[in-house]
Amino acid sequence: MPRMISLWDFACNLYQHSEIKKHASLTQDSNGFSVEQACLQLQTQYGINIPLLLFCLWAAKYYPPLGGSQVQRILQEVEQWSTHCIGPLRLVRQQMKTQQNATSYSGQWADIREQVKMLELAAEKQLLSLLEAIVQNDIINSASDDHKRDGLKGAVFCEASLQNISECFAKTFTVDIQSNDQNVYMGLLSLVLCAADDDIQYDIALETTRKVLG
């Protein structure tokens, strides 16, 4: 049985993929595309909450499908932390980056900005810990026979992840976006799925993403 890892470790391992499969419609970078770049584009261009996205993948690997009141509690935690803590810290960090060259104290400015970045990271870690606790406690308190999974892989993991994403990002997927943007959007999700599991082929991930989310 594969050893279960914490949500935080899962997220850190995923971000260590410095290069993932290149796709012409997604990037012009001849050196490839990192998970961090893919997640940043999903966040800035499509409004995807990255801690929630990573949680959906991790939960699909180790736990039964997300749904019902459980999703409501998950989204409530994400909304509170994103709106009142992570979001404001990110905004300050981004504003400081924009103004850094305009100040005569650029060195000190950069040091403070780095501290803000670390606070933002700490807040994201705390949010992931809270989301992990929700599914763990639900298993402990459940009388169901559908307990932890053994670490899904391949196409099964891919589809389970996308089902979780569909549950947690239902409102996002109702947004009418241009077909080209939609292709990029689903392509980016597919790249992150490939990075989360080496057994997943990009073409299969993209086909499954279109089937579940299209």
Foldseek 3Di string as FASTA:
>chain_A
DDDQDALVVLVVLLQPQQAFDDDPLQDPDPVHAGLVRLVVCCCPVQVDDVLLLSLLLSCLFKADFDDDVLLVVLVVLVCCLCVPPLVVLVVVLVVLVVCLVVDPPNVVSVVVSVVSVVSSVVSSVVSSVVNRVSRVVCQVPDPDPRGIDPGDAEPSSLLSSLSNCCRNCVVSLVDDDDPSVVLNSLLSSLRSNCSSHVNYDSVSSSVSNVVSRD
